[in-house]
Amino acid sequence: MKVWIDRDKCTSNLSACLSCFGQLVRTGVPDRGCIVNSEDDGSEDMTVYMHSDGAEHGPYVIPKDARELVAYDGWDKYVDFIPEFRKNEGALHQKIE
């Protein structure tokens, strides 16, 4: 499976992103809001193309036998960049009435 992720579409902090990504890796279901495209390429490995902090990163290949490790350890330990922890710090929130 190939997955294209745009972290910049989401305002969640890094720890929420890690948890959300872990769910994707465990289930293989591309239903996360940051996923802009997915493709079943017939491979048991997951290939991730990531847009984060205004730049393209990857591809990162997660072998089938390493999915659980990456899911629980966090993708940030296996990439070649340091992702921002906070997103939209200090953004105003609208009051819901």
PDB file of N, CA and C in Angstrom:
ATOM      1  N   MET A   1       0.836  -1.169   0.000  1.00  0.00           N
ATOM      2  CA  MET A   1       0.000   0.000   0.000  1.00  0.00           C
ATOM      3  C   MET A   1       0.883   1.236   0.000  1.00  0.00           C
ATOM      4  N   LYS A   2       0.475   2.214  -0.781  1.00  0.00           N
ATOM      5  CA  LYS A   2       1.142   3.514  -0.787  1.00  0.00           C
ATOM      6  C   LYS A   2       0.175   4.538  -0.202  1.00  0.00           C
ATOM      7  N   VAL A   3       0.713   5.426   0.632  1.00  0.00           N
ATOM      8  CA  VAL A   3      -0.107   6.439   1.296  1.00  0.00           C
ATOM      9  C   VAL A   3       0.585   7.791   1.191  1.00  0.00           C
ATOM     10  N   TRP A   4      -0.173   8.804   0.785  1.00  0.00           N
ATOM     11  CA  TRP A   4       0.324  10.173   0.725  1.00  0.00           C
ATOM     12  C   TRP A   4      -0.336  10.950   1.850  1.00  0.00           C
ATOM     13  N   ILE A   5       0.482  11.511   2.742  1.00  0.00           N
ATOM     14  CA  ILE A   5      -0.005  12.213   3.931  1.00  0.00           C
ATOM     15  C   ILE A   5       0.423  13.673   3.865  1.00  0.00           C
ATOM     16  N   ASP A   6      -0.517  14.557   4.200  1.00  0.00           N
ATOM     17  CA  ASP A   6      -0.209  15.985   4.300  1.00  0.00           C
ATOM     18  C   ASP A   6      -0.467  16.414   5.738  1.00  0.00           C
ATOM     19  N   ARG A   7       0.590  16.409   6.554  1.00  0.00           N
ATOM     20  CA  ARG A   7       0.470  16.799   7.960  1.00  0.00           C
ATOM     21  C   ARG A   7       0.041  18.243   8.114  1.00  0.00           C
ATOM     22  N   ASP A   8       0.330  19.070   7.113  1.00  0.00           N
ATOM     23  CA  ASP A   8      -0.003  20.480   7.210  1.00  0.00           C
ATOM     24  C   ASP A   8      -1.508  20.727   7.109  1.00  0.00           C
ATOM     25  N   LYS A   9      -2.290  19.721   6.736  1.00  0.00           N
ATOM     26  CA  LYS A   9      -3.752  19.842   6.677  1.00  0.00           C
ATOM     27  C   LYS A   9      -4.375  19.721   8.067  1.00  0.00           C
ATOM     28  N   CYS A  10      -3.615  19.225   9.020  1.00  0.00           N
ATOM     29  CA  CYS A  10      -4.136  18.956  10.359  1.00  0.00           C
ATOM     30  C   CYS A  10      -3.508  19.917  11.368  1.00  0.00           C
ATOM     31  N   THR A  11      -4.279  20.331  12.340  1.00  0.00           N
ATOM     32  CA  THR A  11      -3.768  21.246  13.360  1.00  0.00           C
ATOM     33  C   THR A  11      -3.379  20.533  14.662  1.00  0.00           C
ATOM     34  N   SER A  12      -3.470  19.217  14.674  1.00  0.00           N
ATOM     35  CA  SER A  12      -3.125  18.466  15.885  1.00  0.00           C
ATOM     36  C   SER A  12      -1.635  18.525  16.165  1.00  0.00           C
ATOM     37  N   ASN A  13      -1.280  18.442  17.452  1.00  0.00           N
ATOM     38  CA  ASN A  13       0.134  18.427  17.798  1.00  0.00           C
ATOM     39  C   ASN A  13       0.733  17.065  17.443  1.00  0.00           C
ATOM     40  N   LEU A  14       2.040  16.958  17.559  1.00  0.00           N
ATOM     41  CA  LEU A  14       2.748  15.771  17.124  1.00  0.00           C
ATOM     42  C   LEU A  14       2.293  14.512  17.856  1.00  0.00           C
ATOM     43  N   SER A  15       2.047  14.582  19.151  1.00  0.00           N
ATOM     44  CA  SER A  15       1.654  13.367  19.872  1.00  0.00           C
ATOM     45  C   SER A  15       0.311  12.840  19.374  1.00  0.00           C
ATOM     46  N   ALA A  16      -0.619  13.714  19.035  1.00  0.00           N
ATOM     47  CA  ALA A  16      -1.891  13.271  18.457  1.00  0.00           C
ATOM     48  C   ALA A  16      -1.663  12.668  17.074  1.00  0.00           C
ATOM     49  N   CYS A  17      -0.766  13.258  16.308  1.00  0.00           N
ATOM     50  CA  CYS A  17      -0.428  12.749  14.979  1.00  0.00           C
ATOM     51  C   CYS A  17       0.175  11.346  15.079  1.00  0.00           C
ATOM     52  N   LEU A  18       1.052  11.130  16.028  1.00  0.00           N
ATOM     53  CA  LEU A  18       1.677   9.822  16.201  1.00  0.00           C
ATOM     54  C   LEU A  18       0.632   8.756  16.516  1.00  0.00           C
ATOM     55  N   SER A  19      -0.308   9.092  17.373  1.00  0.00           N
ATOM     56  CA  SER A  19      -1.376   8.161  17.730  1.00  0.00           C
ATOM     57  C   SER A  19      -2.265   7.858  16.522  1.00  0.00           C
ATOM     58  N   CYS A  20      -2.626   8.890  15.803  1.00  0.00           N
ATOM     59  CA  CYS A  20      -3.476   8.745  14.621  1.00  0.00           C
ATOM     60  C   CYS A  20      -2.762   7.902  13.552  1.00  0.00           C
ATOM     61  N   PHE A  21      -1.501   8.179  13.313  1.00  0.00           N
ATOM     62  CA  PHE A  21      -0.721   7.427  12.341  1.00  0.00           C
ATOM     63  C   PHE A  21      -0.588   5.968  12.780  1.00  0.00           C
ATOM     64  N   GLY A  22      -0.400   5.745  14.068  1.00  0.00           N
ATOM     65  CA  GLY A  22      -0.314   4.380  14.591  1.00  0.00           C
ATOM     66  C   GLY A  22      -1.564   3.584  14.270  1.00  0.00           C
ATOM     67  N   GLN A  23      -2.718   4.224  14.367  1.00  0.00           N
ATOM     68  CA  GLN A  23      -3.975   3.562  14.026  1.00  0.00           C
ATOM     69  C   GLN A  23      -3.988   3.178  12.549  1.00  0.00           C
ATOM     70  N   LEU A  24      -3.536   4.076  11.694  1.00  0.00           N
ATOM     71  CA  LEU A  24      -3.448   3.781  10.260  1.00  0.00           C
ATOM     72  C   LEU A  24      -2.534   2.586  10.006  1.00  0.00           C
ATOM     73  N   VAL A  25      -1.371   2.578  10.612  1.00  0.00           N
ATOM     74  CA  VAL A  25      -0.405   1.502  10.390  1.00  0.00           C
ATOM     75  C   VAL A  25      -0.940   0.169  10.910  1.00  0.00           C
ATOM     76  N   ARG A  26      -1.611   0.175  12.060  1.00  0.00           N
ATOM     77  CA  ARG A  26      -2.152  -1.066  12.622  1.00  0.00           C
ATOM     78  C   ARG A  26      -3.285  -1.629  11.775  1.00  0.00           C
ATOM     79  N   THR A  27      -4.174  -0.761  11.288  1.00  0.00           N
ATOM     80  CA  THR A  27      -5.359  -1.238  10.566  1.00  0.00           C
ATOM     81  C   THR A  27      -5.156  -1.323   9.059  1.00  0.00           C
ATOM     82  N   GLY A  28      -4.275  -0.472   8.515  1.00  0.00           N
ATOM     83  CA  GLY A  28      -4.107  -0.418   7.069  1.00  0.00           C
ATOM     84  C   GLY A  28      -5.264   0.259   6.357  1.00  0.00           C
ATOM     85  N   VAL A  29      -6.148   0.902   7.129  1.00  0.00           N
ATOM     86  CA  VAL A  29      -7.307   1.582   6.554  1.00  0.00           C
ATOM     87  C   VAL A  29      -6.977   3.066   6.413  1.00  0.00           C
ATOM     88  N   PRO A  30      -6.911   3.582   5.182  1.00  0.00           N
ATOM     89  CA  PRO A  30      -6.517   4.983   4.964  1.00  0.00           C
ATOM     90  C   PRO A  30      -7.673   5.960   5.168  1.00  0.00           C
ATOM     91  N   ASP A  31      -8.158   6.051   6.401  1.00  0.00           N
ATOM     92  CA  ASP A  31      -9.316   6.903   6.702  1.00  0.00           C
ATOM     93  C   ASP A  31      -8.962   8.115   7.563  1.00  0.00           C
ATOM     94  N   ARG A  32      -7.698   8.478   7.630  1.00  0.00           N
ATOM     95  CA  ARG A  32      -7.254   9.632   8.397  1.00  0.00           C
ATOM     96  C   ARG A  32      -7.497  10.903   7.578  1.00  0.00           C
ATOM     97  N   GLY A  33      -7.791  12.007   8.241  1.00  0.00           N
ATOM     98  CA  GLY A  33      -8.070  13.259   7.560  1.00  0.00           C
ATOM     99  C   GLY A  33      -6.897  13.837   6.797  1.00  0.00           C
ATOM    100  N   CYS A  34      -5.691  13.475   7.165  1.00  0.00           N
ATOM    101  CA  CYS A  34      -4.491  14.013   6.513  1.00  0.00           C
ATOM    102  C   CYS A  34      -4.089  13.229   5.272  1.00  0.00           C
ATOM    103  N   ILE A  35      -4.739  12.119   5.008  1.00  0.00           N
ATOM    104  CA  ILE A  35      -4.383  11.304   3.853  1.00  0.00           C
ATOM    105  C   ILE A  35      -5.002  11.919   2.602  1.00  0.00           C
ATOM    106  N   VAL A  36      -4.145  12.330   1.688  1.00  0.00           N
ATOM    107  CA  VAL A  36      -4.622  12.967   0.461  1.00  0.00           C
ATOM    108  C   VAL A  36      -4.760  11.973  -0.678  1.00  0.00           C
ATOM    109  N   ASN A  37      -4.125  10.801  -0.544  1.00  0.00           N
ATOM    110  CA  ASN A  37      -4.253   9.770  -1.568  1.00  0.00           C
ATOM    111  C   ASN A  37      -3.746   8.452  -1.003  1.00  0.00           C
ATOM    112  N   SER A  38      -4.269   7.358  -1.522  1.00  0.00           N
ATOM    113  CA  SER A  38      -3.761   6.034  -1.168  1.00  0.00           C
ATOM    114  C   SER A  38      -3.920   5.141  -2.386  1.00  0.00           C
ATOM    115  N   GLU A  39      -3.083   4.116  -2.444  1.00  0.00           N
ATOM    116  CA  GLU A  39      -3.084   3.210  -3.590  1.00  0.00           C
ATOM    117  C   GLU A  39      -2.714   1.810  -3.116  1.00  0.00           C
ATOM    118  N   ASP A  40      -3.525   0.835  -3.484  1.00  0.00           N
ATOM    119  CA  ASP A  40      -3.188  -0.552  -3.187  1.00  0.00           C
ATOM    120  C   ASP A  40      -2.261  -1.035  -4.288  1.00  0.00           C
ATOM    121  N   ASP A  41      -0.986  -1.164  -3.972  1.00  0.00           N
ATOM    122  CA  ASP A  41       0.004  -1.579  -4.960  1.00  0.00           C
ATOM    123  C   ASP A  41       0.307  -3.073  -4.888  1.00  0.00           C
ATOM    124  N   GLY A  42      -0.460  -3.801  -4.073  1.00  0.00           N
ATOM    125  CA  GLY A  42      -0.273  -5.240  -3.950  1.00  0.00           C
ATOM    126  C   GLY A  42       0.835  -5.643  -2.994  1.00  0.00           C
ATOM    127  N   SER A  43       1.542  -4.683  -2.451  1.00  0.00           N
ATOM    128  CA  SER A  43       2.641  -4.970  -1.531  1.00  0.00           C
ATOM    129  C   SER A  43       2.114  -5.095  -0.105  1.00  0.00           C
ATOM    130  N   GLU A  44       2.758  -5.953   0.680  1.00  0.00           N
ATOM    131  CA  GLU A  44       2.415  -6.055   2.098  1.00  0.00           C
ATOM    132  C   GLU A  44       3.091  -4.960   2.906  1.00  0.00           C
ATOM    133  N   ASP A  45       4.080  -4.296   2.299  1.00  0.00           N
ATOM    134  CA  ASP A  45       4.753  -3.168   2.944  1.00  0.00           C
ATOM    135  C   ASP A  45       3.904  -1.913   2.744  1.00  0.00           C
ATOM    136  N   MET A  46       4.087  -0.940   3.623  1.00  0.00           N
ATOM    137  CA  MET A  46       3.413   0.349   3.484  1.00  0.00           C
ATOM    138  C   MET A  46       4.470   1.391   3.123  1.00  0.00           C
ATOM    139  N   THR A  47       4.241   2.098   2.025  1.00  0.00           N
ATOM    140  CA  THR A  47       5.140   3.165   1.613  1.00  0.00           C
ATOM    141  C   THR A  47       4.451   4.485   1.874  1.00  0.00           C
ATOM    142  N   VAL A  48       5.115   5.344   2.636  1.00  0.00           N
ATOM    143  CA  VAL A  48       4.518   6.613   3.059  1.00  0.00           C
ATOM    144  C   VAL A  48       5.280   7.770   2.418  1.00  0.00           C
ATOM    145  N   TYR A  49       4.525   8.642   1.766  1.00  0.00           N
ATOM    146  CA  TYR A  49       5.042   9.900   1.231  1.00  0.00           C
ATOM    147  C   TYR A  49       4.433  10.985   2.107  1.00  0.00           C
ATOM    148  N   MET A  50       5.243  11.821   2.706  1.00  0.00           N
ATOM    149  CA  MET A  50       4.729  12.771   3.687  1.00  0.00           C
ATOM    150  C   MET A  50       5.082  14.214   3.337  1.00  0.00           C
ATOM    151  N   HIS A  51       4.082  15.068   3.436  1.00  0.00           N
ATOM    152  CA  HIS A  51       4.284  16.515   3.350  1.00  0.00           C
ATOM    153  C   HIS A  51       4.131  17.023   4.781  1.00  0.00           C
ATOM    154  N   SER A  52       5.147  17.690   5.281  1.00  0.00           N
ATOM    155  CA  SER A  52       5.112  18.176   6.659  1.00  0.00           C
ATOM    156  C   SER A  52       5.955  19.429   6.784  1.00  0.00           C
ATOM    157  N   ASP A  53       5.444  20.397   7.486  1.00  0.00           N
ATOM    158  CA  ASP A  53       6.170  21.635   7.758  1.00  0.00           C
ATOM    159  C   ASP A  53       6.618  22.315   6.461  1.00  0.00           C
ATOM    160  N   GLY A  54       5.764  22.225   5.443  1.00  0.00           N
ATOM    161  CA  GLY A  54       6.017  22.906   4.179  1.00  0.00           C
ATOM    162  C   GLY A  54       6.972  22.212   3.225  1.00  0.00           C
ATOM    163  N   ALA A  55       7.348  20.972   3.500  1.00  0.00           N
ATOM    164  CA  ALA A  55       8.307  20.268   2.641  1.00  0.00           C
ATOM    165  C   ALA A  55       7.866  18.826   2.398  1.00  0.00           C
ATOM    166  N   GLU A  56       8.370  18.250   1.315  1.00  0.00           N
ATOM    167  CA  GLU A  56       8.100  16.849   0.987  1.00  0.00           C
ATOM    168  C   GLU A  56       9.158  15.972   1.645  1.00  0.00           C
ATOM    169  N   HIS A  57       8.725  14.833   2.192  1.00  0.00           N
ATOM    170  CA  HIS A  57       9.623  13.894   2.862  1.00  0.00           C
ATOM    171  C   HIS A  57       9.291  12.475   2.414  1.00  0.00           C
ATOM    172  N   GLY A  58      10.298  11.621   2.442  1.00  0.00           N
ATOM    173  CA  GLY A  58      10.074  10.227   2.081  1.00  0.00           C
ATOM    174  C   GLY A  58      10.519   9.947   0.663  1.00  0.00           C
ATOM    175  N   PRO A  59      10.212   8.791   0.175  1.00  0.00           N
ATOM    176  CA  PRO A  59       9.281   7.816   0.754  1.00  0.00           C
ATOM    177  C   PRO A  59       9.913   7.036   1.904  1.00  0.00           C
ATOM    178  N   TYR A  60       9.035   6.627   2.815  1.00  0.00           N
ATOM    179  CA  TYR A  60       9.422   5.796   3.950  1.00  0.00           C
ATOM    180  C   TYR A  60       8.700   4.466   3.801  1.00  0.00           C
ATOM    181  N   VAL A  61       9.441   3.381   3.825  1.00  0.00           N
ATOM    182  CA  VAL A  61       8.863   2.050   3.665  1.00  0.00           C
ATOM    183  C   VAL A  61       8.774   1.381   5.031  1.00  0.00           C
ATOM    184  N   ILE A  62       7.571   0.942   5.368  1.00  0.00           N
ATOM    185  CA  ILE A  62       7.343   0.228   6.622  1.00  0.00           C
ATOM    186  C   ILE A  62       7.069  -1.230   6.260  1.00  0.00           C
ATOM    187  N   PRO A  63       8.043  -2.116   6.476  1.00  0.00           N
ATOM    188  CA  PRO A  63       7.821  -3.537   6.173  1.00  0.00           C
ATOM    189  C   PRO A  63       6.686  -4.100   7.026  1.00  0.00           C
ATOM    190  N   LYS A  64       5.986  -5.061   6.485  1.00  0.00           N
ATOM    191  CA  LYS A  64       4.856  -5.662   7.193  1.00  0.00           C
ATOM    192  C   LYS A  64       5.238  -6.103   8.605  1.00  0.00           C
ATOM    193  N   ASP A  65       6.415  -6.716   8.748  1.00  0.00           N
ATOM    194  CA  ASP A  65       6.815  -7.222  10.065  1.00  0.00           C
ATOM    195  C   ASP A  65       7.276  -6.130  11.031  1.00  0.00           C
ATOM    196  N   ALA A  66       7.374  -4.879  10.576  1.00  0.00           N
ATOM    197  CA  ALA A  66       7.772  -3.770  11.452  1.00  0.00           C
ATOM    198  C   ALA A  66       6.610  -2.816  11.737  1.00  0.00           C
ATOM    199  N   ARG A  67       5.437  -3.110  11.216  1.00  0.00           N
ATOM    200  CA  ARG A  67       4.300  -2.191  11.392  1.00  0.00           C
ATOM    201  C   ARG A  67       3.961  -1.945  12.856  1.00  0.00           C
ATOM    202  N   GLU A  68       3.893  -3.002  13.634  1.00  0.00           N
ATOM    203  CA  GLU A  68       3.532  -2.833  15.044  1.00  0.00           C
ATOM    204  C   GLU A  68       4.573  -1.984  15.777  1.00  0.00           C
ATOM    205  N   LEU A  69       5.839  -2.212  15.503  1.00  0.00           N
ATOM    206  CA  LEU A  69       6.906  -1.428  16.130  1.00  0.00           C
ATOM    207  C   LEU A  69       6.754   0.048  15.791  1.00  0.00           C
ATOM    208  N   VAL A  70       6.575   0.370  14.518  1.00  0.00           N
ATOM    209  CA  VAL A  70       6.424   1.763  14.095  1.00  0.00           C
ATOM    210  C   VAL A  70       5.141   2.357  14.670  1.00  0.00           C
ATOM    211  N   ALA A  71       4.068   1.578  14.676  1.00  0.00           N
ATOM    212  CA  ALA A  71       2.786   2.068  15.193  1.00  0.00           C
ATOM    213  C   ALA A  71       2.895   2.494  16.655  1.00  0.00           C
ATOM    214  N   TYR A  72       3.595   1.718  17.464  1.00  0.00           N
ATOM    215  CA  TYR A  72       3.676   2.013  18.896  1.00  0.00           C
ATOM    216  C   TYR A  72       4.886   2.870  19.260  1.00  0.00           C
ATOM    217  N   ASP A  73       5.936   2.813  18.471  1.00  0.00           N
ATOM    218  CA  ASP A  73       7.149   3.581  18.746  1.00  0.00           C
ATOM    219  C   ASP A  73       7.023   5.016  18.243  1.00  0.00           C
ATOM    220  N   GLY A  74       6.254   5.215  17.159  1.00  0.00           N
ATOM    221  CA  GLY A  74       6.060   6.546  16.583  1.00  0.00           C
ATOM    222  C   GLY A  74       6.880   6.746  15.333  1.00  0.00           C
ATOM    223  N   TRP A  75       6.240   7.274  14.287  1.00  0.00           N
ATOM    224  CA  TRP A  75       6.925   7.462  13.007  1.00  0.00           C
ATOM    225  C   TRP A  75       8.064   8.464  13.099  1.00  0.00           C
ATOM    226  N   ASP A  76       7.987   9.392  14.062  1.00  0.00           N
ATOM    227  CA  ASP A  76       8.999  10.450  14.151  1.00  0.00           C
ATOM    228  C   ASP A  76      10.395   9.915  14.440  1.00  0.00           C
ATOM    229  N   LYS A  77      10.503   8.704  14.929  1.00  0.00           N
ATOM    230  CA  LYS A  77      11.818   8.115  15.218  1.00  0.00           C
ATOM    231  C   LYS A  77      12.455   7.488  13.979  1.00  0.00           C
ATOM    232  N   TYR A  78      11.701   7.407  12.877  1.00  0.00           N
ATOM    233  CA  TYR A  78      12.173   6.710  11.681  1.00  0.00           C
ATOM    234  C   TYR A  78      12.266   7.603  10.449  1.00  0.00           C
ATOM    235  N   VAL A  79      12.127   8.901  10.627  1.00  0.00           N
ATOM    236  CA  VAL A  79      12.197   9.818   9.490  1.00  0.00           C
ATOM    237  C   VAL A  79      13.490  10.631   9.549  1.00  0.00           C
ATOM    238  N   ASP A  80      13.784  11.298   8.450  1.00  0.00           N
ATOM    239  CA  ASP A  80      15.036  12.046   8.344  1.00  0.00           C
ATOM    240  C   ASP A  80      14.851  13.548   8.549  1.00  0.00           C
ATOM    241  N   PHE A  81      13.834  13.935   9.318  1.00  0.00           N
ATOM    242  CA  PHE A  81      13.613  15.338   9.661  1.00  0.00           C
ATOM    243  C   PHE A  81      13.011  15.410  11.057  1.00  0.00           C
ATOM    244  N   ILE A  82      13.070  16.580  11.656  1.00  0.00           N
ATOM    245  CA  ILE A  82      12.490  16.782  12.985  1.00  0.00           C
ATOM    246  C   ILE A  82      11.179  17.540  12.810  1.00  0.00           C
ATOM    247  N   PRO A  83      10.044  16.863  13.007  1.00  0.00           N
ATOM    248  CA  PRO A  83       8.755  17.528  12.808  1.00  0.00           C
ATOM    249  C   PRO A  83       8.449  18.514  13.932  1.00  0.00           C
ATOM    250  N   GLU A  84       7.702  19.548  13.577  1.00  0.00           N
ATOM    251  CA  GLU A  84       7.246  20.495  14.597  1.00  0.00           C
ATOM    252  C   GLU A  84       6.310  19.774  15.553  1.00  0.00           C
ATOM    253  N   PHE A  85       6.426  20.091  16.838  1.00  0.00           N
ATOM    254  CA  PHE A  85       5.537  19.461  17.815  1.00  0.00           C
ATOM    255  C   PHE A  85       4.176  20.140  17.842  1.00  0.00           C
ATOM    256  N   ARG A  86       4.202  21.447  17.844  1.00  0.00           N
ATOM    257  CA  ARG A  86       2.949  22.198  17.956  1.00  0.00           C
ATOM    258  C   ARG A  86       2.546  22.767  16.604  1.00  0.00           C
ATOM    259  N   LYS A  87       1.242  22.851  16.404  1.00  0.00           N
ATOM    260  CA  LYS A  87       0.693  23.440  15.178  1.00  0.00           C
ATOM    261  C   LYS A  87      -0.275  24.537  15.583  1.00  0.00           C
ATOM    262  N   ASN A  88      -0.211  25.661  14.900  1.00  0.00           N
ATOM    263  CA  ASN A  88      -1.141  26.770  15.116  1.00  0.00           C
ATOM    264  C   ASN A  88      -1.217  27.198  16.577  1.00  0.00           C
ATOM    265  N   GLU A  89      -0.076  27.246  17.217  1.00  0.00           N
ATOM    266  CA  GLU A  89      -0.008  27.688  18.622  1.00  0.00           C
ATOM    267  C   GLU A  89      -0.600  29.087  18.753  1.00  0.00           C
ATOM    268  N   GLY A  90      -1.517  29.243  19.659  1.00  0.00           N
ATOM    269  CA  GLY A  90      -2.121  30.560  19.899  1.00  0.00           C
ATOM    270  C   GLY A  90      -3.231  30.921  18.938  1.00  0.00           C
ATOM    271  N   ALA A  91      -3.657  29.977  18.097  1.00  0.00           N
ATOM    272  CA  ALA A  91      -4.746  30.263  17.163  1.00  0.00           C
ATOM    273  C   ALA A  91      -6.025  30.513  17.962  1.00  0.00           C
ATOM    274  N   LEU A  92      -6.819  31.425  17.478  1.00  0.00           N
ATOM    275  CA  LEU A  92      -8.092  31.723  18.131  1.00  0.00           C
ATOM    276  C   LEU A  92      -9.100  30.629  17.830  1.00  0.00           C
ATOM    277  N   HIS A  93      -9.870  30.267  18.812  1.00  0.00           N
ATOM    278  CA  HIS A  93     -10.919  29.257  18.640  1.00  0.00           C
ATOM    279  C   HIS A  93     -12.258  29.958  18.660  1.00  0.00           C
ATOM    280  N   GLN A  94     -13.138  29.584  17.753  1.00  0.00           N
ATOM    281  CA  GLN A  94     -14.467  30.173  17.724  1.00  0.00           C
ATOM    282  C   GLN A  94     -15.335  29.539  18.784  1.00  0.00           C
ATOM    283  N   LYS A  95     -16.139  30.354  19.405  1.00  0.00           N
ATOM    284  CA  LYS A  95     -17.064  29.868  20.402  1.00  0.00           C
ATOM    285  C   LYS A  95     -18.264  29.262  19.700  1.00  0.00           C
ATOM    286  N   ILE A  96     -18.606  28.034  20.073  1.00  0.00           N
ATOM    287  CA  ILE A  96     -19.759  27.358  19.482  1.00  0.00           C
ATOM    288  C   ILE A  96     -20.975  27.632  20.362  1.00  0.00           C
ATOM    289  N   GLU A  97     -21.980  28.168  19.724  1.00  0.00           N
ATOM    290  CA  GLU A  97     -23.194  28.479  20.490  1.00  0.00           C
ATOM    291  C   GLU A  97     -24.340  27.629  20.036  1.00  0.00           C
TER     292      GLU A  97
END
